[in-house]
Each structure stands twice: as C-alpha cells, then as structure tokens.
Amino acid sequence: MRIYKTFHIVLRDNFNLRMLLIQHMMPLDIRMKYGIFLENPLLENICKRYYLSYTIAAQN
C-alpha cells in the first residue's frame, strides 16, 4: 500500500513479481536464521542504474 501511496504504482496483481520475490525470500530466510551476512558487490551499480526501482524496494 505504501508503494502505491508514494509512487502510484500497483504491484499487487503482478504474479511474476510475487514468484520472483518468493524465490528471493527463501535463501534470505535461511541467511537470517543462521546470521549469515551477504554483501552485494553490485549494490552501488544497482543504485545508480536502477534508482527508481531501488528506491521503491528500499521503502520500509
């Protein structure tokens, strides 16, 4: 809801996005469970090239 209110982008009905997030969340859950920190070497590049997408994803 916050993404819609802030950016006026509807993601709720995007099935492909949901499936990709599920695939991403399973390894994340394991890393969180065992306290494994993983640094993303591409993060700086992602922030520059995909600024809007990164900003939307960083919403709390």
PDB file of N, CA and C in Angstrom:
ATOM      1  N   MET A   1       0.820  -1.186   0.000  1.00  0.00           N
ATOM      2  CA  MET A   1       0.000   0.000   0.000  1.00  0.00           C
ATOM      3  C   MET A   1       0.870   1.257   0.000  1.00  0.00           C
ATOM      4  N   ARG A   2       1.987   1.200   0.718  1.00  0.00           N
ATOM      5  CA  ARG A   2       2.868   2.363   0.797  1.00  0.00           C
ATOM      6  C   ARG A   2       3.451   2.717  -0.579  1.00  0.00           C
ATOM      7  N   ILE A   3       3.803   1.704  -1.344  1.00  0.00           N
ATOM      8  CA  ILE A   3       4.357   1.968  -2.679  1.00  0.00           C
ATOM      9  C   ILE A   3       3.309   2.652  -3.552  1.00  0.00           C
ATOM     10  N   TYR A   4       2.065   2.198  -3.450  1.00  0.00           N
ATOM     11  CA  TYR A   4       1.010   2.826  -4.239  1.00  0.00           C
ATOM     12  C   TYR A   4       0.792   4.267  -3.793  1.00  0.00           C
ATOM     13  N   LYS A   5       0.754   4.498  -2.486  1.00  0.00           N
ATOM     14  CA  LYS A   5       0.524   5.846  -1.986  1.00  0.00           C
ATOM     15  C   LYS A   5       1.666   6.797  -2.347  1.00  0.00           C
ATOM     16  N   THR A   6       2.888   6.287  -2.316  1.00  0.00           N
ATOM     17  CA  THR A   6       4.041   7.142  -2.583  1.00  0.00           C
ATOM     18  C   THR A   6       4.304   7.330  -4.073  1.00  0.00           C
ATOM     19  N   PHE A   7       4.265   6.219  -4.835  1.00  0.00           N
ATOM     20  CA  PHE A   7       4.682   6.254  -6.238  1.00  0.00           C
ATOM     21  C   PHE A   7       3.536   6.056  -7.229  1.00  0.00           C
ATOM     22  N   HIS A   8       2.342   5.712  -6.742  1.00  0.00           N
ATOM     23  CA  HIS A   8       1.181   5.433  -7.592  1.00  0.00           C
ATOM     24  C   HIS A   8       1.468   4.307  -8.579  1.00  0.00           C
ATOM     25  N   ILE A   9       2.117   3.260  -8.064  1.00  0.00           N
ATOM     26  CA  ILE A   9       2.435   2.071  -8.864  1.00  0.00           C
ATOM     27  C   ILE A   9       1.727   0.882  -8.217  1.00  0.00           C
ATOM     28  N   VAL A  10       0.965   0.133  -9.006  1.00  0.00           N
ATOM     29  CA  VAL A  10       0.233  -1.021  -8.491  1.00  0.00           C
ATOM     30  C   VAL A  10       1.049  -2.280  -8.759  1.00  0.00           C
ATOM     31  N   LEU A  11       1.446  -2.958  -7.684  1.00  0.00           N
ATOM     32  CA  LEU A  11       2.222  -4.192  -7.814  1.00  0.00           C
ATOM     33  C   LEU A  11       1.449  -5.399  -7.293  1.00  0.00           C
ATOM     34  N   ARG A  12       0.308  -5.162  -6.713  1.00  0.00           N
ATOM     35  CA  ARG A  12      -0.454  -6.207  -6.026  1.00  0.00           C
ATOM     36  C   ARG A  12      -0.807  -7.384  -6.926  1.00  0.00           C
ATOM     37  N   ASP A  13      -1.161  -7.150  -8.162  1.00  0.00           N
ATOM     38  CA  ASP A  13      -1.625  -8.218  -9.045  1.00  0.00           C
ATOM     39  C   ASP A  13      -0.546  -8.761  -9.975  1.00  0.00           C
ATOM     40  N   ASN A  14       0.701  -8.470  -9.684  1.00  0.00           N
ATOM     41  CA  ASN A  14       1.794  -8.912 -10.546  1.00  0.00           C
ATOM     42  C   ASN A  14       2.283 -10.289 -10.078  1.00  0.00           C
ATOM     43  N   PHE A  15       1.773 -11.331 -10.711  1.00  0.00           N
ATOM     44  CA  PHE A  15       2.097 -12.703 -10.324  1.00  0.00           C
ATOM     45  C   PHE A  15       3.586 -13.000 -10.492  1.00  0.00           C
ATOM     46  N   ASN A  16       4.186 -12.563 -11.594  1.00  0.00           N
ATOM     47  CA  ASN A  16       5.606 -12.825 -11.829  1.00  0.00           C
ATOM     48  C   ASN A  16       6.470 -12.185 -10.747  1.00  0.00           C
ATOM     49  N   LEU A  17       6.126 -10.987 -10.352  1.00  0.00           N
ATOM     50  CA  LEU A  17       6.865 -10.323  -9.281  1.00  0.00           C
ATOM     51  C   LEU A  17       6.765 -11.117  -7.989  1.00  0.00           C
ATOM     52  N   ARG A  18       5.578 -11.585  -7.676  1.00  0.00           N
ATOM     53  CA  ARG A  18       5.398 -12.396  -6.457  1.00  0.00           C
ATOM     54  C   ARG A  18       6.252 -13.662  -6.492  1.00  0.00           C
ATOM     55  N   MET A  19       6.282 -14.334  -7.620  1.00  0.00           N
ATOM     56  CA  MET A  19       7.067 -15.564  -7.726  1.00  0.00           C
ATOM     57  C   MET A  19       8.564 -15.279  -7.582  1.00  0.00           C
ATOM     58  N   LEU A  20       9.027 -14.205  -8.188  1.00  0.00           N
ATOM     59  CA  LEU A  20      10.444 -13.849  -8.060  1.00  0.00           C
ATOM     60  C   LEU A  20      10.790 -13.460  -6.629  1.00  0.00           C
ATOM     61  N   LEU A  21       9.893 -12.778  -5.953  1.00  0.00           N
ATOM     62  CA  LEU A  21      10.137 -12.418  -4.554  1.00  0.00           C
ATOM     63  C   LEU A  21      10.177 -13.648  -3.658  1.00  0.00           C
ATOM     64  N   ILE A  22       9.314 -14.609  -3.925  1.00  0.00           N
ATOM     65  CA  ILE A  22       9.325 -15.855  -3.153  1.00  0.00           C
ATOM     66  C   ILE A  22      10.657 -16.577  -3.343  1.00  0.00           C
ATOM     67  N   GLN A  23      11.139 -16.631  -4.572  1.00  0.00           N
ATOM     68  CA  GLN A  23      12.430 -17.276  -4.836  1.00  0.00           C
ATOM     69  C   GLN A  23      13.561 -16.549  -4.112  1.00  0.00           C
ATOM     70  N   HIS A  24      13.448 -15.254  -3.982  1.00  0.00           N
ATOM     71  CA  HIS A  24      14.464 -14.455  -3.305  1.00  0.00           C
ATOM     72  C   HIS A  24      14.364 -14.617  -1.782  1.00  0.00           C
ATOM     73  N   MET A  25      13.152 -14.741  -1.268  1.00  0.00           N
ATOM     74  CA  MET A  25      12.936 -14.761   0.173  1.00  0.00           C
ATOM     75  C   MET A  25      13.377 -16.068   0.834  1.00  0.00           C
ATOM     76  N   MET A  26      13.338 -17.167   0.132  1.00  0.00           N
ATOM     77  CA  MET A  26      13.722 -18.444   0.745  1.00  0.00           C
ATOM     78  C   MET A  26      15.201 -18.452   1.147  1.00  0.00           C
ATOM     79  N   PRO A  27      16.126 -18.100   0.253  1.00  0.00           N
ATOM     80  CA  PRO A  27      17.528 -18.030   0.698  1.00  0.00           C
ATOM     81  C   PRO A  27      17.748 -16.941   1.748  1.00  0.00           C
ATOM     82  N   LEU A  28      17.013 -15.827   1.642  1.00  0.00           N
ATOM     83  CA  LEU A  28      17.124 -14.769   2.639  1.00  0.00           C
ATOM     84  C   LEU A  28      16.717 -15.274   4.016  1.00  0.00           C
ATOM     85  N   ASP A  29      15.653 -16.054   4.074  1.00  0.00           N
ATOM     86  CA  ASP A  29      15.196 -16.615   5.344  1.00  0.00           C
ATOM     87  C   ASP A  29      16.274 -17.506   5.969  1.00  0.00           C
ATOM     88  N   ILE A  30      16.922 -18.308   5.163  1.00  0.00           N
ATOM     89  CA  ILE A  30      17.994 -19.183   5.670  1.00  0.00           C
ATOM     90  C   ILE A  30      19.163 -18.346   6.182  1.00  0.00           C
ATOM     91  N   ARG A  31      19.560 -17.320   5.423  1.00  0.00           N
ATOM     92  CA  ARG A  31      20.665 -16.463   5.867  1.00  0.00           C
ATOM     93  C   ARG A  31      20.326 -15.749   7.166  1.00  0.00           C
ATOM     94  N   MET A  32      19.099 -15.292   7.305  1.00  0.00           N
ATOM     95  CA  MET A  32      18.691 -14.612   8.532  1.00  0.00           C
ATOM     96  C   MET A  32      18.655 -15.589   9.704  1.00  0.00           C
ATOM     97  N   LYS A  33      18.179 -16.788   9.461  1.00  0.00           N
ATOM     98  CA  LYS A  33      18.074 -17.804  10.513  1.00  0.00           C
ATOM     99  C   LYS A  33      19.445 -18.139  11.099  1.00  0.00           C
ATOM    100  N   TYR A  34      20.467 -18.191  10.266  1.00  0.00           N
ATOM    101  CA  TYR A  34      21.797 -18.567  10.713  1.00  0.00           C
ATOM    102  C   TYR A  34      22.750 -17.379  10.841  1.00  0.00           C
ATOM    103  N   GLY A  35      22.233 -16.177  10.699  1.00  0.00           N
ATOM    104  CA  GLY A  35      23.049 -14.978  10.883  1.00  0.00           C
ATOM    105  C   GLY A  35      24.141 -14.810   9.842  1.00  0.00           C
ATOM    106  N   ILE A  36      23.859 -15.220   8.615  1.00  0.00           N
ATOM    107  CA  ILE A  36      24.835 -15.119   7.530  1.00  0.00           C
ATOM    108  C   ILE A  36      24.637 -13.794   6.814  1.00  0.00           C
ATOM    109  N   PHE A  37      25.660 -12.957   6.840  1.00  0.00           N
ATOM    110  CA  PHE A  37      25.603 -11.671   6.145  1.00  0.00           C
ATOM    111  C   PHE A  37      26.211 -11.836   4.767  1.00  0.00           C
ATOM    112  N   LEU A  38      25.521 -11.346   3.772  1.00  0.00           N
ATOM    113  CA  LEU A  38      25.991 -11.457   2.396  1.00  0.00           C
ATOM    114  C   LEU A  38      26.058 -10.065   1.794  1.00  0.00           C
ATOM    115  N   GLU A  39      27.243  -9.629   1.459  1.00  0.00           N
ATOM    116  CA  GLU A  39      27.431  -8.316   0.846  1.00  0.00           C
ATOM    117  C   GLU A  39      27.185  -8.424  -0.661  1.00  0.00           C
ATOM    118  N   ASN A  40      26.450  -7.476  -1.196  1.00  0.00           N
ATOM    119  CA  ASN A  40      26.156  -7.473  -2.623  1.00  0.00           C
ATOM    120  C   ASN A  40      27.175  -6.586  -3.332  1.00  0.00           C
ATOM    121  N   PRO A  41      28.073  -7.179  -4.124  1.00  0.00           N
ATOM    122  CA  PRO A  41      29.091  -6.377  -4.805  1.00  0.00           C
ATOM    123  C   PRO A  41      28.514  -5.496  -5.914  1.00  0.00           C
ATOM    124  N   LEU A  42      27.287  -5.749  -6.310  1.00  0.00           N
ATOM    125  CA  LEU A  42      26.657  -4.978  -7.378  1.00  0.00           C
ATOM    126  C   LEU A  42      25.778  -3.848  -6.854  1.00  0.00           C
ATOM    127  N   LEU A  43      25.679  -3.697  -5.539  1.00  0.00           N
ATOM    128  CA  LEU A  43      24.737  -2.758  -4.953  1.00  0.00           C
ATOM    129  C   LEU A  43      24.931  -1.327  -5.450  1.00  0.00           C
ATOM    130  N   GLU A  44      26.147  -0.853  -5.480  1.00  0.00           N
ATOM    131  CA  GLU A  44      26.399   0.525  -5.931  1.00  0.00           C
ATOM    132  C   GLU A  44      25.950   0.718  -7.379  1.00  0.00           C
ATOM    133  N   ASN A  45      26.251  -0.251  -8.211  1.00  0.00           N
ATOM    134  CA  ASN A  45      25.855  -0.187  -9.615  1.00  0.00           C
ATOM    135  C   ASN A  45      24.329  -0.230  -9.750  1.00  0.00           C
ATOM    136  N   ILE A  46      23.686  -1.069  -8.954  1.00  0.00           N
ATOM    137  CA  ILE A  46      22.227  -1.160  -8.982  1.00  0.00           C
ATOM    138  C   ILE A  46      21.610   0.174  -8.574  1.00  0.00           C
ATOM    139  N   CYS A  47      22.150   0.792  -7.531  1.00  0.00           N
ATOM    140  CA  CYS A  47      21.617   2.077  -7.058  1.00  0.00           C
ATOM    141  C   CYS A  47      21.701   3.152  -8.135  1.00  0.00           C
ATOM    142  N   LYS A  48      22.757   3.134  -8.896  1.00  0.00           N
ATOM    143  CA  LYS A  48      22.941   4.154  -9.940  1.00  0.00           C
ATOM    144  C   LYS A  48      22.080   3.874 -11.175  1.00  0.00           C
ATOM    145  N   ARG A  49      22.085   2.642 -11.638  1.00  0.00           N
ATOM    146  CA  ARG A  49      21.394   2.311 -12.888  1.00  0.00           C
ATOM    147  C   ARG A  49      19.890   2.168 -12.735  1.00  0.00           C
ATOM    148  N   TYR A  50      19.460   1.704 -11.562  1.00  0.00           N
ATOM    149  CA  TYR A  50      18.040   1.434 -11.334  1.00  0.00           C
ATOM    150  C   TYR A  50      17.564   2.209 -10.106  1.00  0.00           C
ATOM    151  N   TYR A  51      17.760   3.508 -10.152  1.00  0.00           N
ATOM    152  CA  TYR A  51      17.495   4.344  -8.978  1.00  0.00           C
ATOM    153  C   TYR A  51      16.048   4.242  -8.502  1.00  0.00           C
ATOM    154  N   LEU A  52      15.100   4.361  -9.411  1.00  0.00           N
ATOM    155  CA  LEU A  52      13.696   4.305  -9.016  1.00  0.00           C
ATOM    156  C   LEU A  52      13.352   2.933  -8.433  1.00  0.00           C
ATOM    157  N   SER A  53      13.758   1.871  -9.089  1.00  0.00           N
ATOM    158  CA  SER A  53      13.474   0.529  -8.588  1.00  0.00           C
ATOM    159  C   SER A  53      14.096   0.307  -7.210  1.00  0.00           C
ATOM    160  N   TYR A  54      15.318   0.762  -7.039  1.00  0.00           N
ATOM    161  CA  TYR A  54      15.994   0.613  -5.751  1.00  0.00           C
ATOM    162  C   TYR A  54      15.268   1.424  -4.680  1.00  0.00           C
ATOM    163  N   THR A  55      14.861   2.631  -5.008  1.00  0.00           N
ATOM    164  CA  THR A  55      14.161   3.480  -4.051  1.00  0.00           C
ATOM    165  C   THR A  55      12.839   2.840  -3.625  1.00  0.00           C
ATOM    166  N   ILE A  56      12.123   2.275  -4.573  1.00  0.00           N
ATOM    167  CA  ILE A  56      10.860   1.605  -4.258  1.00  0.00           C
ATOM    168  C   ILE A  56      11.115   0.388  -3.364  1.00  0.00           C
ATOM    169  N   ALA A  57      12.119  -0.394  -3.688  1.00  0.00           N
ATOM    170  CA  ALA A  57      12.433  -1.592  -2.904  1.00  0.00           C
ATOM    171  C   ALA A  57      12.899  -1.259  -1.496  1.00  0.00           C
ATOM    172  N   ALA A  58      13.497  -0.099  -1.310  1.00  0.00           N
ATOM    173  CA  ALA A  58      14.032   0.291  -0.008  1.00  0.00           C
ATOM    174  C   ALA A  58      12.969   0.873   0.923  1.00  0.00           C
ATOM    175  N   GLN A  59      11.737   1.008   0.460  1.00  0.00           N
ATOM    176  CA  GLN A  59      10.668   1.550   1.302  1.00  0.00           C
ATOM    177  C   GLN A  59      10.429   0.628   2.493  1.00  0.00           C
ATOM    178  N   ASN A  60      10.313   1.183   3.688  1.00  0.00           N
ATOM    179  CA  ASN A  60      10.064   0.382   4.901  1.00  0.00           C
ATOM    180  C   ASN A  60       8.596   0.381   5.171  1.00  0.00           C
TER     181      ASN A  60
END
